[in-house]
Structures are given as structure tokens and as C-alpha cells.
N, C-alpha and C. Protein backbone atom coordinates (compact mmCIF):
# COMPACT_ATOMS: atom_id res chain seq x y z
N MET A 1 113.55 138.86 109.76
CA MET A 1 114.15 137.64 109.25
C MET A 1 114.48 137.85 107.77
N SER A 2 115.67 137.44 107.39
CA SER A 2 116.12 137.64 106.03
C SER A 2 115.71 136.46 105.13
N ILE A 3 115.93 136.61 103.85
CA ILE A 3 115.60 135.56 102.89
C ILE A 3 116.48 134.33 103.17
N GLY A 4 117.72 134.54 103.57
CA GLY A 4 118.60 133.42 103.90
C GLY A 4 118.04 132.59 105.06
N GLU A 5 117.52 133.25 106.08
CA GLU A 5 116.93 132.55 107.20
C GLU A 5 115.67 131.79 106.77
N PHE A 6 114.94 132.37 105.81
CA PHE A 6 113.77 131.68 105.27
C PHE A 6 114.15 130.34 104.67
N PHE A 7 115.23 130.33 103.86
CA PHE A 7 115.65 129.09 103.25
C PHE A 7 116.26 128.12 104.26
N VAL A 8 116.91 128.63 105.30
CA VAL A 8 117.43 127.75 106.33
C VAL A 8 116.29 127.07 107.05
N LYS A 9 115.23 127.82 107.40
CA LYS A 9 114.07 127.21 108.05
C LYS A 9 113.37 126.20 107.09
N LEU A 10 113.35 126.56 105.80
CA LEU A 10 112.69 125.70 104.85
C LEU A 10 113.40 124.35 104.69
N LEU A 11 114.73 124.34 104.82
CA LEU A 11 115.52 123.13 104.61
C LEU A 11 115.86 122.42 105.90
N SER A 12 115.41 122.92 107.08
CA SER A 12 115.72 122.26 108.33
C SER A 12 115.01 120.90 108.40
N LEU A 13 115.62 119.98 109.08
CA LEU A 13 115.11 118.60 109.12
C LEU A 13 113.83 118.46 109.94
N ASP A 14 113.55 119.40 110.82
CA ASP A 14 112.33 119.30 111.62
C ASP A 14 111.14 119.97 110.95
N ASN A 15 111.32 120.43 109.72
CA ASN A 15 110.24 121.06 108.98
C ASN A 15 109.28 120.00 108.43
N PRO A 16 107.99 120.09 108.74
CA PRO A 16 107.05 119.10 108.23
C PRO A 16 106.80 119.14 106.72
N LEU A 17 107.32 120.17 106.07
CA LEU A 17 107.16 120.25 104.61
C LEU A 17 107.98 119.18 103.87
N TRP A 18 108.82 118.44 104.57
CA TRP A 18 109.55 117.35 103.91
C TRP A 18 108.60 116.27 103.46
N TYR A 19 107.40 116.20 104.03
CA TYR A 19 106.42 115.24 103.56
C TYR A 19 105.88 115.59 102.18
N TYR A 20 106.09 116.84 101.75
CA TYR A 20 105.61 117.30 100.47
C TYR A 20 106.29 116.57 99.31
N TYR A 21 107.59 116.32 99.42
CA TYR A 21 108.35 115.75 98.31
C TYR A 21 107.88 114.35 97.90
N PRO A 22 107.78 113.40 98.81
CA PRO A 22 107.27 112.12 98.39
C PRO A 22 105.80 112.17 97.92
N LEU A 23 105.01 113.02 98.55
CA LEU A 23 103.61 113.15 98.11
C LEU A 23 103.55 113.68 96.69
N CYS A 24 104.30 114.71 96.37
CA CYS A 24 104.29 115.29 95.04
C CYS A 24 104.83 114.28 94.01
N LEU A 25 105.82 113.51 94.37
CA LEU A 25 106.36 112.50 93.43
C LEU A 25 105.32 111.42 93.15
N VAL A 26 104.65 110.94 94.16
CA VAL A 26 103.64 109.90 94.00
C VAL A 26 102.46 110.42 93.16
N VAL A 27 102.01 111.65 93.45
CA VAL A 27 100.93 112.22 92.70
C VAL A 27 101.34 112.38 91.25
N GLY A 28 102.56 112.81 90.99
CA GLY A 28 103.04 112.96 89.63
C GLY A 28 103.10 111.64 88.88
N ILE A 29 103.54 110.58 89.55
CA ILE A 29 103.60 109.27 88.91
C ILE A 29 102.20 108.76 88.58
N VAL A 30 101.28 108.85 89.53
CA VAL A 30 99.93 108.38 89.28
C VAL A 30 99.26 109.18 88.21
N TYR A 31 99.44 110.49 88.24
CA TYR A 31 98.82 111.35 87.23
C TYR A 31 99.36 111.06 85.83
N LYS A 32 100.67 110.89 85.73
CA LYS A 32 101.25 110.67 84.39
C LYS A 32 101.03 109.25 83.89
N MET A 33 100.74 108.29 84.81
CA MET A 33 100.45 106.93 84.37
C MET A 33 99.11 106.90 83.61
N THR A 34 98.25 107.86 83.85
CA THR A 34 96.97 107.91 83.16
C THR A 34 97.14 108.50 81.76
N LYS A 35 98.29 109.14 81.48
CA LYS A 35 98.46 109.82 80.20
C LYS A 35 99.45 109.10 79.26
N PHE A 36 100.36 108.30 79.80
CA PHE A 36 101.38 107.66 78.99
C PHE A 36 101.35 106.14 79.18
N ASP A 37 101.85 105.43 78.19
CA ASP A 37 101.86 103.97 78.23
C ASP A 37 103.26 103.40 78.55
N ARG A 38 104.28 104.04 77.99
CA ARG A 38 105.64 103.48 78.16
C ARG A 38 106.24 103.94 79.48
N PRO A 39 106.93 103.07 80.23
CA PRO A 39 107.51 103.47 81.49
C PRO A 39 108.49 104.62 81.38
N ARG A 40 109.27 104.67 80.28
CA ARG A 40 110.23 105.76 80.15
C ARG A 40 109.50 107.11 80.04
N ASP A 41 108.41 107.16 79.31
CA ASP A 41 107.62 108.39 79.18
C ASP A 41 107.00 108.78 80.54
N ILE A 42 106.56 107.81 81.28
CA ILE A 42 105.97 108.08 82.60
C ILE A 42 107.00 108.67 83.53
N ILE A 43 108.21 108.09 83.53
CA ILE A 43 109.25 108.58 84.43
C ILE A 43 109.65 110.01 84.11
N TYR A 44 109.89 110.32 82.82
CA TYR A 44 110.27 111.66 82.44
C TYR A 44 109.14 112.67 82.71
N ALA A 45 107.94 112.30 82.41
CA ALA A 45 106.81 113.20 82.65
C ALA A 45 106.59 113.42 84.14
N ALA A 46 106.73 112.38 84.93
CA ALA A 46 106.57 112.52 86.39
C ALA A 46 107.67 113.39 87.01
N LEU A 47 108.89 113.23 86.52
CA LEU A 47 109.98 114.08 87.02
C LEU A 47 109.76 115.53 86.61
N HIS A 48 109.28 115.73 85.38
CA HIS A 48 109.00 117.09 84.95
C HIS A 48 107.88 117.71 85.77
N PHE A 49 106.86 116.94 86.04
CA PHE A 49 105.76 117.38 86.93
C PHE A 49 106.31 117.74 88.31
N PHE A 50 107.11 116.88 88.88
CA PHE A 50 107.66 117.09 90.23
C PHE A 50 108.50 118.36 90.27
N VAL A 51 109.37 118.53 89.31
CA VAL A 51 110.25 119.71 89.34
C VAL A 51 109.44 121.00 89.10
N SER A 52 108.54 120.99 88.16
CA SER A 52 107.78 122.21 87.87
C SER A 52 106.87 122.57 89.02
N VAL A 53 106.20 121.63 89.61
CA VAL A 53 105.31 121.94 90.75
C VAL A 53 106.14 122.37 91.96
N THR A 54 107.27 121.73 92.21
CA THR A 54 108.12 122.11 93.35
C THR A 54 108.69 123.50 93.18
N LEU A 55 109.16 123.84 91.99
CA LEU A 55 109.69 125.18 91.76
C LEU A 55 108.56 126.22 91.82
N GLY A 56 107.39 125.88 91.33
CA GLY A 56 106.27 126.80 91.42
C GLY A 56 105.85 127.04 92.89
N MET A 57 105.82 126.00 93.68
CA MET A 57 105.48 126.14 95.09
C MET A 57 106.57 126.93 95.83
N LEU A 58 107.80 126.72 95.50
CA LEU A 58 108.91 127.48 96.11
C LEU A 58 108.80 128.93 95.76
N ALA A 59 108.55 129.26 94.52
CA ALA A 59 108.39 130.65 94.08
C ALA A 59 107.18 131.31 94.78
N LEU A 60 106.08 130.58 94.86
CA LEU A 60 104.92 131.14 95.55
C LEU A 60 105.18 131.37 97.02
N SER A 61 105.87 130.42 97.68
CA SER A 61 106.16 130.63 99.11
C SER A 61 107.12 131.78 99.32
N LEU A 62 108.08 131.96 98.42
CA LEU A 62 109.00 133.08 98.53
C LEU A 62 108.27 134.44 98.34
N VAL A 63 107.38 134.51 97.37
CA VAL A 63 106.62 135.73 97.17
C VAL A 63 105.72 136.03 98.36
N LEU A 64 105.04 135.02 98.86
CA LEU A 64 104.19 135.24 100.03
C LEU A 64 104.99 135.64 101.26
N TYR A 65 106.16 135.06 101.41
CA TYR A 65 107.06 135.41 102.52
C TYR A 65 107.48 136.87 102.40
N LEU A 66 107.88 137.27 101.19
CA LEU A 66 108.32 138.66 101.01
C LEU A 66 107.16 139.65 101.23
N ILE A 67 105.97 139.28 100.78
CA ILE A 67 104.82 140.14 101.01
C ILE A 67 104.54 140.27 102.50
N SER A 68 104.62 139.17 103.25
CA SER A 68 104.31 139.23 104.66
C SER A 68 105.38 139.99 105.44
N GLN A 69 106.61 140.00 104.96
CA GLN A 69 107.66 140.71 105.68
C GLN A 69 107.69 142.20 105.38
N TYR A 70 107.33 142.58 104.20
CA TYR A 70 107.52 143.97 103.82
C TYR A 70 106.22 144.77 103.65
N LEU A 71 105.11 144.23 104.06
CA LEU A 71 103.88 145.01 104.08
C LEU A 71 103.46 145.38 105.47
């Protein structure tokens, strides 16, 4: 299976990982509400949290996929 097929499977609608996105967003909002007072700061910090965690998880999954395919 190629890297392209990996991303096709990752983005398919029947993938249960779609539950990750709302969960990560809610966790980011709740976590950042404990650190900031103004709603604008909470929104920006929660979006930053969401994007950084999502990109980190995507990079980790890609690395683990490549390790599992080529070892």
C-alpha cells in the first residue's frame, strides 16, 4: 500500500478517526479556558492547540505507517 492509499483510507467517511476532530476541539477549548480569560484568547489558543495536536498526530501516524510498511 502506498502513502497515497494511506491518506485515502485516512480521509474515507467510514473511518472512525473522524470522532477525533470534535474530541480534540472540545479538549482544546476546555483546556484553554483554564488558562485564558478573554473569549478571543480562548478561541485562538484552542485553534492553535487543535492544529498543532492534529498535525503532530498526523505526522506520528505517517511515521508509524512507514515503519510498519518498510521493516
